[in-house]
Amino acid sequence: MGGTSADFDTLPDLSELRARSRDLVRNDPVAQSAVATKVVNVVGPGHVVRPEIDRKRLGLTAEQAEAWEEQALDIFTDWAWSTDCDITRTQTFAELEDLVYRSRLLSGDVFVVRRFKKRKGRMLATAVQVIEADLLSNPHWAMDTAQMAGGIEKDADGAPVAYHFADRYLLDRNLGGAVTWTRVPAYDGNGRKLVLHVHGAKWRPDMTRYAPMLSPVIEALKQRSRYSEAELMAAVVSACFAIGMKSPDGGLTDGVLELFRGKDDGGAAPASKAITITEPGKIIDLLPDEEIQSFAPGRPNPQFSPFITAIAQEIGAGTDLPHEILMKQFQASYSASKAALEIAWQFFRAERELHIAQFCAPVYDEVISEAVARGILKAPGFFSDPLTRQAWLGQVWMGPSRPTIDQTKDAAADEKYLEMGVTSLTRIAAERFGVDYRTVKARRALDGSDERQKTAGGTQAPGSAAPAEDEDTTDTDKETN
């Protein structure tokens, strides 16, 4: 049987998949947990950048490289911590990270447009605009073609040439006025990206647009939600208790009738006494020849929890989240819980690298490029030689710390790996605490922490082994990286 293209399989269903995905995240706790868990572990409070230029290629000394990196970090931090980095002036860069990644999970992809907005009192004019996936569409919602699919205009090689954004959503097109589309080129005149297409891993070579993260498990999530609601309602019905009383004339005794009299109706008995299950403890009048039939729903259902757990395991597999992480339950052994965290970390790390490559690094490049163009940063050869440009733009990003169960055991393992020479203090500080080791070391020096530790215990501070007698320690480049 013949197959179809990725766009033919995906594009017609994207609108419905996005709507269902967003509805589940709004109303289903497991769906919300899947998205929130990934956002917290991949983005968290936001990534921290550490400029790390190639000083050997640039012919700089260690002191010159460190001074340039500190200045670049100050410039980017000043830009990122201000809401002026957002074209709407509502979010900082860390908040934009959260928005971009969360939107990618909910919608399948999201778009970031580089803007230039000079604002009073600001050093740089670079800003970013986040555009939701729904607004990218073919002009006038035309049919997809080889040159235009999902709102992306492509060349003969299938490379993006331009993106077409509508000024409103599909269902908002009748709010007044004609819908207009803006064509944004994919690259500027210098070949630098104007539009960042942030999305998940590419499954097929000819894929243009991407489905939401929850797409493989939408049906399982919805059915699990319906089953859970049905079981909850059955438990409510089972908890309600009603008494049926029968008299020859179908009327209640005076004492029982008082229970049905309204407080604000002048003492008159209600005209209707319908049987309901909204309140427990009902006393119901039965007409002649009527009788109560027993109803035993048998709730709570002893099989409810195992079945829900099995479905949650299936949902976790479909969203690359171990069941323990998805449901926030660690009831197995230490080894099993540790394995779940390790597996989850592999996926979080891959997602983090993709997020940095598609969003964080390109934005950092543009901010530093503007600083160099304005003469704030001195970087010879930055715009004339691509390799020199890359040397100036070297960077390392650090995100949320690695999840752990037993910090003592993990610290001992890190110390052993450090002795073996297979890791570094920089990597340990980044993975365990999400911070830059150079910042920690500088702060410890200011606090006198290392000196106090040596005085109290007569030992060297961690990461500062005593140098050999013949070793030259004047070169700061020999510090562990």
Protein backbone atom coordinates (compact mmCIF):
# COMPACT_ATOMS: atom_id res chain seq x y z
CA MET A 1 0.00 0.00 0.00
CA GLY A 2 1.41 3.38 -0.99
CA GLY A 3 2.23 6.07 1.56
CA THR A 4 1.60 9.80 1.66
CA SER A 5 3.78 12.79 2.46
CA ALA A 6 4.27 14.11 5.98
CA ASP A 7 2.34 17.28 5.15
CA PHE A 8 -0.58 15.27 3.71
CA ASP A 9 -0.72 13.18 6.88
CA THR A 10 -0.29 16.06 9.36
CA LEU A 11 -1.47 19.45 8.08
CA PRO A 12 -5.22 18.71 7.72
CA ASP A 13 -5.48 17.57 11.34
CA LEU A 14 -3.34 20.21 13.05
CA SER A 15 -6.13 22.64 13.92
CA GLU A 16 -8.18 19.94 15.65
CA LEU A 17 -5.14 18.44 17.36
CA ARG A 18 -4.17 21.82 18.82
CA ALA A 19 -7.69 22.48 20.08
CA ARG A 20 -7.94 19.07 21.76
CA SER A 21 -4.47 19.34 23.25
CA ARG A 22 -5.21 22.74 24.81
CA ASP A 23 -8.57 21.55 26.10
CA LEU A 24 -6.95 18.57 27.81
CA VAL A 25 -4.28 20.71 29.45
CA ARG A 26 -6.99 23.06 30.75
CA ASN A 27 -9.24 20.32 32.09
CA ASP A 28 -7.30 17.10 32.65
CA PRO A 29 -4.79 16.87 35.53
CA VAL A 30 -2.61 14.22 33.87
CA ALA A 31 -2.29 16.22 30.65
CA GLN A 32 -1.45 19.33 32.62
CA SER A 33 1.12 17.35 34.61
CA ALA A 34 2.81 16.09 31.43
CA VAL A 35 3.28 19.62 30.08
CA ALA A 36 4.19 21.24 33.41
CA THR A 37 6.73 18.52 34.24
CA LYS A 38 8.59 19.05 30.99
CA VAL A 39 8.51 22.84 31.28
CA VAL A 40 9.86 22.77 34.85
CA ASN A 41 12.69 20.37 34.04
CA VAL A 42 13.67 21.69 30.61
CA VAL A 43 13.27 25.45 31.15
CA GLY A 44 12.55 25.93 34.85
CA PRO A 45 13.30 29.50 35.94
CA GLY A 46 15.20 30.06 32.70
CA HIS A 47 18.63 29.22 31.35
CA VAL A 48 21.80 31.06 32.36
CA VAL A 49 24.33 31.80 29.65
CA ARG A 50 28.10 31.87 30.08
CA PRO A 51 30.03 33.44 27.18
CA GLU A 52 32.97 31.23 26.29
CA ILE A 53 34.87 32.63 23.33
CA ASP A 54 37.66 30.83 21.46
CA ARG A 55 40.55 33.00 22.68
CA LYS A 56 43.23 31.00 20.87
CA ARG A 57 41.63 31.55 17.47
CA LEU A 58 41.08 35.21 18.33
CA GLY A 59 44.62 35.65 19.64
CA LEU A 60 43.61 36.90 23.08
CA THR A 61 45.22 36.33 26.44
CA ALA A 62 43.26 34.67 29.22
CA GLU A 63 42.76 38.03 30.93
CA GLN A 64 41.52 39.70 27.75
CA ALA A 65 39.13 36.84 27.01
CA GLU A 66 37.73 36.90 30.55
CA ALA A 67 37.21 40.68 30.42
CA TRP A 68 35.38 40.42 27.07
CA GLU A 69 33.20 37.57 28.32
CA GLU A 70 32.23 39.48 31.44
CA GLN A 71 31.27 42.52 29.39
CA ALA A 72 29.24 40.39 26.96
CA LEU A 73 27.48 38.73 29.89
CA ASP A 74 26.65 42.10 31.43
CA ILE A 75 25.18 43.33 28.14
CA PHE A 76 23.05 40.24 27.59
CA THR A 77 21.90 40.17 31.24
CA ASP A 78 20.84 43.81 31.05
CA TRP A 79 18.82 42.97 27.92
CA ALA A 80 17.36 39.68 29.20
CA TRP A 81 16.25 40.91 32.61
CA SER A 82 14.24 43.76 31.13
CA THR A 83 10.74 43.30 29.71
CA ASP A 84 11.89 45.44 26.78
CA CYS A 85 13.35 42.28 25.25
CA ASP A 86 9.71 41.33 24.54
CA ILE A 87 8.04 43.35 21.80
CA THR A 88 4.93 43.52 24.02
CA ARG A 89 7.03 44.70 27.02
CA THR A 90 5.34 42.16 29.30
CA GLN A 91 7.91 39.37 29.79
CA THR A 92 11.58 38.94 30.55
CA PHE A 93 13.73 36.53 28.55
CA ALA A 94 13.25 33.77 31.14
CA GLU A 95 9.48 34.19 30.91
CA LEU A 96 9.70 34.16 27.13
CA GLU A 97 11.59 30.87 27.36
CA ASP A 98 8.71 29.38 29.35
CA LEU A 99 6.15 30.73 26.89
CA VAL A 100 8.01 29.50 23.81
CA TYR A 101 8.62 25.99 25.11
CA ARG A 102 5.13 25.61 26.60
CA SER A 103 3.57 26.80 23.33
CA ARG A 104 5.69 24.33 21.41
CA LEU A 105 4.39 21.48 23.55
CA LEU A 106 0.76 22.60 23.31
CA SER A 107 0.67 23.53 19.62
CA GLY A 108 3.46 21.50 18.04
CA ASP A 109 5.46 24.55 17.01
CA VAL A 110 5.74 28.27 17.67
CA PHE A 111 7.41 31.17 15.86
CA VAL A 112 9.71 33.90 17.13
CA VAL A 113 10.23 36.95 14.94
CA ARG A 114 13.25 39.19 15.44
CA ARG A 115 12.17 42.81 15.78
CA PHE A 116 14.05 46.08 16.12
CA LYS A 117 12.40 48.53 18.52
CA LYS A 118 14.43 51.44 19.89
CA ARG A 119 13.16 52.43 23.30
CA LYS A 120 14.13 55.33 25.48
CA GLY A 121 16.77 54.50 28.06
CA ARG A 122 17.63 51.13 26.58
CA MET A 123 21.08 50.15 25.31
CA LEU A 124 19.86 47.83 22.54
CA ALA A 125 16.86 47.80 20.23
CA THR A 126 16.66 44.04 19.55
CA ALA A 127 13.35 42.52 20.66
CA VAL A 128 11.49 39.30 19.95
CA GLN A 129 7.88 38.65 19.09
CA VAL A 130 6.32 35.27 19.88
CA ILE A 131 3.58 34.22 17.43
CA GLU A 132 1.29 31.26 18.06
CA ALA A 133 1.17 28.43 15.54
CA ASP A 134 -2.46 29.08 14.54
CA LEU A 135 -1.63 32.45 12.99
CA LEU A 136 0.75 30.96 10.42
CA SER A 137 -1.35 29.91 7.44
CA ASN A 138 -1.56 30.15 3.69
CA PRO A 139 -2.92 33.54 2.56
CA HIS A 140 -6.73 33.40 2.37
CA TRP A 141 -6.46 29.84 3.73
CA ALA A 142 -5.58 28.55 0.28
CA MET A 143 -4.83 24.90 -0.39
CA ASP A 144 -1.32 23.63 0.29
CA THR A 145 1.06 23.35 -2.64
CA ALA A 146 4.66 22.31 -3.14
CA GLN A 147 5.72 25.96 -2.79
CA MET A 148 3.38 26.93 0.06
CA ALA A 149 2.39 24.58 2.89
CA GLY A 150 1.10 25.42 6.35
CA GLY A 151 1.83 29.11 5.80
CA ILE A 152 5.51 28.51 4.97
CA GLU A 153 6.74 29.57 1.56
CA LYS A 154 9.52 27.30 0.30
CA ASP A 155 12.02 27.28 -2.54
CA ALA A 156 12.72 24.45 -4.98
CA ASP A 157 14.91 22.70 -2.39
CA GLY A 158 12.18 22.82 0.28
CA ALA A 159 14.00 25.48 2.34
CA PRO A 160 11.85 28.20 3.99
CA VAL A 161 11.79 31.47 2.07
CA ALA A 162 9.11 33.36 3.98
CA TYR A 163 6.40 32.94 6.60
CA HIS A 164 2.84 34.23 6.19
CA PHE A 165 1.13 35.36 9.42
CA ALA A 166 -2.56 36.26 9.65
CA ASP A 167 -3.64 39.13 11.90
CA ARG A 168 -6.29 37.02 13.61
CA TYR A 169 -7.31 33.43 14.28
CA LEU A 170 -9.41 31.35 11.89
CA LEU A 171 -12.58 31.48 14.03
CA ASP A 172 -12.11 35.23 14.63
CA ARG A 173 -12.21 36.15 10.97
CA ASN A 174 -15.80 37.46 11.20
CA LEU A 175 -15.13 39.93 14.00
CA GLY A 176 -15.00 42.80 11.54
CA GLY A 177 -12.76 43.89 8.74
CA ALA A 178 -10.84 41.84 6.26
CA VAL A 179 -8.20 39.37 7.41
CA THR A 180 -4.72 40.41 6.32
CA TRP A 181 -1.51 38.40 6.07
CA THR A 182 2.02 39.66 6.63
CA ARG A 183 4.84 38.07 4.67
CA VAL A 184 8.00 37.89 6.80
CA PRO A 185 11.18 36.78 5.00
CA ALA A 186 12.96 33.85 6.61
CA TYR A 187 16.34 35.65 6.38
CA ASP A 188 17.46 39.25 6.25
CA GLY A 189 19.78 40.75 3.65
CA ASN A 190 22.85 39.47 5.50
CA GLY A 191 21.61 35.89 5.62
CA ARG A 192 20.69 36.00 9.32
CA LYS A 193 17.42 34.46 10.46
CA LEU A 194 14.47 36.78 10.94
CA VAL A 195 12.06 34.01 11.98
CA LEU A 196 12.86 31.19 14.40
CA HIS A 197 10.72 28.11 13.89
CA VAL A 198 10.73 26.37 17.28
CA HIS A 199 9.48 22.79 17.14
CA GLY A 200 10.13 19.24 18.30
CA ALA A 201 12.24 16.58 16.67
CA LYS A 202 11.70 16.16 12.94
CA TRP A 203 10.14 12.77 12.30
CA ARG A 204 10.18 12.81 8.50
CA PRO A 205 12.42 14.58 5.96
CA ASP A 206 9.65 16.59 4.26
CA MET A 207 7.86 17.70 7.43
CA THR A 208 6.76 21.37 7.35
CA ARG A 209 4.63 21.73 10.50
CA TYR A 210 4.54 19.73 13.73
CA ALA A 211 1.86 18.11 15.90
CA PRO A 212 1.39 18.82 19.65
CA MET A 213 3.22 16.66 22.18
CA LEU A 214 -0.05 15.11 23.40
CA SER A 215 -1.18 13.98 19.94
CA PRO A 216 -0.32 10.27 20.44
CA VAL A 217 -2.20 10.11 23.74
CA ILE A 218 -5.18 12.43 23.20
CA GLU A 219 -7.65 9.55 22.95
CA ALA A 220 -6.21 7.76 25.99
CA LEU A 221 -6.29 10.97 28.04
CA LYS A 222 -9.87 11.76 27.09
CA GLN A 223 -11.17 8.26 27.80
CA ARG A 224 -9.27 8.17 31.10
CA SER A 225 -10.86 11.49 32.04
CA ARG A 226 -14.35 10.25 31.16
CA TYR A 227 -13.84 7.04 33.12
CA SER A 228 -12.57 8.96 36.12
CA GLU A 229 -15.58 11.30 36.04
CA ALA A 230 -17.98 8.35 35.74
CA GLU A 231 -16.38 6.59 38.72
CA LEU A 232 -16.52 9.78 40.75
CA MET A 233 -20.22 10.27 39.96
CA ALA A 234 -20.94 6.63 40.83
CA ALA A 235 -19.20 7.11 44.16
CA VAL A 236 -21.31 10.23 44.81
CA VAL A 237 -24.49 8.30 44.01
CA SER A 238 -23.38 5.46 46.28
CA ALA A 239 -22.71 7.89 49.12
CA CYS A 240 -26.19 9.45 48.90
CA PHE A 241 -28.76 7.76 51.18
CA ALA A 242 -32.53 8.08 50.67
CA ILE A 243 -35.53 6.79 52.64
CA GLY A 244 -38.81 6.01 50.91
CA MET A 245 -42.06 6.26 52.88
CA LYS A 246 -45.38 4.97 51.64
CA SER A 247 -48.85 5.89 52.89
CA PRO A 248 -52.36 4.89 51.70
CA ASP A 249 -53.14 8.35 50.32
CA GLY A 250 -49.64 9.13 49.08
CA GLY A 251 -49.13 11.92 51.59
CA LEU A 252 -46.43 12.36 54.19
CA THR A 253 -46.99 12.67 57.91
CA ASP A 254 -46.84 16.15 59.39
CA GLY A 255 -43.40 15.61 60.90
CA VAL A 256 -41.85 14.36 57.67
CA LEU A 257 -43.66 17.01 55.61
CA GLU A 258 -41.92 19.74 57.58
CA LEU A 259 -38.64 18.63 56.00
CA PHE A 260 -39.99 19.60 52.60
CA ARG A 261 -41.53 22.95 53.56
CA GLY A 262 -39.71 25.96 52.19
CA LYS A 263 -38.43 28.67 54.50
CA ASP A 264 -39.48 31.55 52.23
CA ASP A 265 -42.61 30.15 50.60
CA GLY A 266 -45.07 30.89 53.38
CA GLY A 267 -44.99 27.37 54.73
CA ALA A 268 -46.53 25.79 51.67
CA ALA A 269 -45.35 22.34 50.69
CA PRO A 270 -43.45 22.18 47.41
CA ALA A 271 -45.48 21.33 44.37
CA SER A 272 -42.99 18.70 43.19
CA LYS A 273 -40.85 16.24 45.13
CA ALA A 274 -38.61 14.86 42.39
CA ILE A 275 -36.02 12.30 43.39
CA THR A 276 -32.50 13.68 43.04
CA ILE A 277 -28.98 12.54 43.95
CA THR A 278 -27.50 15.99 44.42
CA GLU A 279 -27.94 15.87 48.19
CA PRO A 280 -27.61 12.95 50.60
CA GLY A 281 -30.19 12.04 53.26
CA LYS A 282 -33.38 12.52 51.20
CA ILE A 283 -36.79 11.38 52.50
CA ILE A 284 -39.04 10.69 49.51
CA ASP A 285 -42.81 10.37 49.45
CA LEU A 286 -44.07 7.39 47.47
CA LEU A 287 -47.48 7.33 45.84
CA PRO A 288 -49.75 4.29 46.24
CA ASP A 289 -48.40 1.11 44.66
CA GLU A 290 -44.88 2.64 44.37
CA GLU A 291 -41.90 1.14 46.13
CA ILE A 292 -38.16 1.65 46.47
CA GLN A 293 -35.87 -0.55 44.42
CA SER A 294 -32.41 -1.09 45.88
CA PHE A 295 -29.49 0.38 43.93
CA ALA A 296 -25.95 -0.71 44.80
CA PRO A 297 -23.36 0.75 42.44
CA GLY A 298 -20.56 -1.00 44.31
CA ARG A 299 -18.32 2.00 44.70
CA PRO A 300 -15.54 2.69 45.24
CA ASN A 301 -14.41 0.29 42.52
CA PRO A 302 -11.37 -1.70 43.73
CA GLN A 303 -10.08 -1.94 40.15
CA PHE A 304 -10.19 1.83 39.58
CA SER A 305 -6.70 2.64 40.83
CA PRO A 306 -4.86 -0.20 39.00
CA PHE A 307 -6.64 0.63 35.75
CA ILE A 308 -5.88 4.36 36.02
CA THR A 309 -2.26 3.51 36.79
CA ALA A 310 -2.01 1.33 33.68
CA ILE A 311 -3.44 4.11 31.51
CA ALA A 312 -1.06 6.63 33.10
CA GLN A 313 1.87 4.36 32.26
CA GLU A 314 0.73 4.30 28.64
CA ILE A 315 0.39 8.10 28.60
CA GLY A 316 3.84 8.45 30.15
CA ALA A 317 5.35 6.27 27.44
CA GLY A 318 3.67 8.39 24.77
CA THR A 319 5.03 11.64 26.23
CA ASP A 320 8.54 10.38 27.12
CA LEU A 321 7.86 10.64 30.86
CA PRO A 322 8.27 7.71 33.26
CA HIS A 323 5.09 6.97 35.17
CA GLU A 324 6.63 8.02 38.49
CA ILE A 325 7.57 11.43 37.09
CA LEU A 326 4.24 11.97 35.33
CA MET A 327 2.10 11.11 38.37
CA LYS A 328 4.53 12.54 40.97
CA GLN A 329 4.49 9.20 42.84
CA PHE A 330 7.63 7.40 43.98
CA GLN A 331 6.30 4.30 45.70
CA ALA A 332 8.74 1.75 44.28
CA SER A 333 12.23 0.95 45.50
CA TYR A 334 15.10 3.41 45.55
CA SER A 335 16.66 1.73 42.51
CA ALA A 336 13.44 1.93 40.50
CA SER A 337 12.90 5.57 41.40
CA LYS A 338 16.52 6.36 40.56
CA ALA A 339 16.16 4.63 37.20
CA ALA A 340 13.01 6.64 36.45
CA LEU A 341 14.83 9.90 37.16
CA GLU A 342 17.81 8.86 35.04
CA ILE A 343 15.59 7.95 32.08
CA ALA A 344 13.65 11.20 32.43
CA TRP A 345 16.89 13.17 32.57
CA GLN A 346 18.00 11.73 29.22
CA PHE A 347 14.85 13.10 27.59
CA PHE A 348 15.04 16.42 29.46
CA ARG A 349 18.64 16.90 28.35
CA ALA A 350 17.78 16.24 24.70
CA GLU A 351 14.83 18.63 24.89
CA ARG A 352 16.99 21.26 26.55
CA GLU A 353 19.64 21.08 23.84
CA LEU A 354 16.97 21.44 21.15
CA HIS A 355 15.37 24.40 22.94
CA ILE A 356 18.74 26.13 23.31
CA ALA A 357 19.69 25.53 19.67
CA GLN A 358 16.36 26.76 18.29
CA PHE A 359 15.67 29.71 20.61
CA CYS A 360 18.26 30.68 23.25
CA ALA A 361 21.46 30.60 21.16
CA PRO A 362 20.05 32.46 18.12
CA VAL A 363 18.65 35.21 20.35
CA TYR A 364 21.97 35.55 22.18
CA ASP A 365 23.76 35.80 18.82
CA GLU A 366 21.53 38.67 17.72
CA VAL A 367 21.91 40.58 20.98
CA ILE A 368 25.72 40.36 20.89
CA SER A 369 25.72 41.17 17.16
CA GLU A 370 23.87 44.42 17.80
CA ALA A 371 26.23 45.27 20.67
CA VAL A 372 29.20 44.77 18.35
CA ALA A 373 27.56 46.74 15.53
CA ARG A 374 26.96 49.66 17.92
CA GLY A 375 30.57 49.57 19.08
CA ILE A 376 29.66 48.63 22.66
CA LEU A 377 31.68 45.43 22.29
CA LYS A 378 34.94 45.40 20.37
CA ALA A 379 35.18 42.28 18.20
CA PRO A 380 37.53 42.60 15.19
CA GLY A 381 36.51 40.49 12.22
CA PHE A 382 33.04 39.82 13.67
CA PHE A 383 31.13 40.71 10.49
CA SER A 384 33.80 39.94 7.90
CA ASP A 385 34.76 36.35 8.73
CA PRO A 386 32.17 33.68 9.65
CA LEU A 387 34.70 31.60 11.61
CA THR A 388 35.83 34.63 13.58
CA ARG A 389 32.20 35.48 14.28
CA GLN A 390 31.61 32.01 15.69
CA ALA A 391 34.70 32.33 17.85
CA TRP A 392 33.30 35.53 19.37
CA LEU A 393 29.87 33.95 19.88
CA GLY A 394 31.01 30.91 21.87
CA GLN A 395 28.58 30.24 24.73
CA VAL A 396 27.46 27.64 27.24
CA TRP A 397 23.90 27.50 28.60
CA MET A 398 22.99 26.14 32.04
CA GLY A 399 19.45 25.17 32.94
CA PRO A 400 17.55 23.64 35.87
CA SER A 401 19.52 21.31 38.11
CA ARG A 402 19.42 17.58 37.57
CA PRO A 403 16.75 15.76 39.63
CA THR A 404 18.15 13.69 42.48
CA ILE A 405 16.89 11.42 45.23
CA ASP A 406 19.94 11.07 47.47
CA GLN A 407 22.22 14.10 47.25
CA THR A 408 24.90 12.48 49.40
CA LYS A 409 25.29 9.52 47.04
CA ASP A 410 25.24 11.78 43.99
CA ALA A 411 27.89 14.05 45.52
CA ALA A 412 30.11 11.03 46.23
CA ALA A 413 29.69 9.84 42.63
CA ASP A 414 30.53 13.30 41.28
CA GLU A 415 33.65 13.40 43.44
CA LYS A 416 34.74 10.01 42.11
CA TYR A 417 34.15 11.07 38.49
CA LEU A 418 36.12 14.25 39.16
CA GLU A 419 39.07 12.20 40.47
CA MET A 420 38.87 10.01 37.35
CA GLY A 421 39.08 13.10 35.17
CA VAL A 422 35.89 12.36 33.21
CA THR A 423 33.94 15.44 34.37
CA SER A 424 34.63 18.98 35.56
CA LEU A 425 33.55 21.31 38.34
CA THR A 426 31.84 23.47 35.73
CA ARG A 427 29.68 20.57 34.56
CA ILE A 428 28.90 19.40 38.09
CA ALA A 429 27.86 22.89 39.16
CA ALA A 430 25.68 23.25 36.07
CA GLU A 431 23.96 19.85 36.35
CA ARG A 432 23.49 19.73 40.10
CA PHE A 433 22.76 23.38 40.83
CA GLY A 434 22.18 25.09 37.49
CA VAL A 435 24.90 27.68 38.18
CA ASP A 436 28.28 28.68 36.74
CA TYR A 437 31.21 27.31 38.74
CA ARG A 438 33.26 30.42 38.05
CA THR A 439 30.56 32.49 39.75
CA VAL A 440 30.55 30.13 42.73
CA LYS A 441 34.34 30.23 42.98
CA ALA A 442 34.41 34.03 42.85
CA ARG A 443 31.76 34.26 45.55
CA ARG A 444 33.60 31.78 47.77
CA ALA A 445 36.75 33.88 47.42
CA LEU A 446 34.85 37.01 48.45
CA ASP A 447 33.26 35.20 51.38
CA GLY A 448 36.54 33.64 52.46
CA SER A 449 34.91 30.20 52.44
CA ASP A 450 38.01 28.39 51.16
CA GLU A 451 40.30 30.01 53.71
CA ARG A 452 37.97 29.20 56.61
CA GLN A 453 37.71 25.58 55.48
CA LYS A 454 41.49 25.23 55.27
CA THR A 455 41.97 26.83 58.67
CA ALA A 456 39.31 24.69 60.35
CA GLY A 457 40.17 21.32 58.84
CA GLY A 458 43.71 21.70 57.56
CA THR A 459 42.62 20.42 54.15
CA GLN A 460 42.32 21.90 50.71
CA ALA A 461 38.99 23.29 49.56
CA PRO A 462 37.05 21.17 47.03
CA GLY A 463 38.42 21.58 43.53
CA SER A 464 41.62 23.29 44.68
CA ALA A 465 44.16 20.51 44.98
CA ALA A 466 47.63 21.56 46.06
CA PRO A 467 49.96 22.15 43.05
CA ALA A 468 53.13 20.21 42.54
CA GLU A 469 56.35 21.96 43.51
CA ASP A 470 57.54 22.40 39.91
CA GLU A 471 54.09 23.29 38.52
CA ASP A 472 53.58 26.78 37.17
CA THR A 473 50.30 28.06 38.64
CA THR A 474 50.45 31.58 37.25
CA ASP A 475 48.55 30.71 34.06
CA THR A 476 44.85 31.11 34.86
CA ASP A 477 43.99 29.08 31.80
CA LYS A 478 44.99 25.92 33.71
CA GLU A 479 41.93 26.18 35.90
CA THR A 480 39.59 23.23 35.61
CA ASN A 481 36.89 23.81 33.05
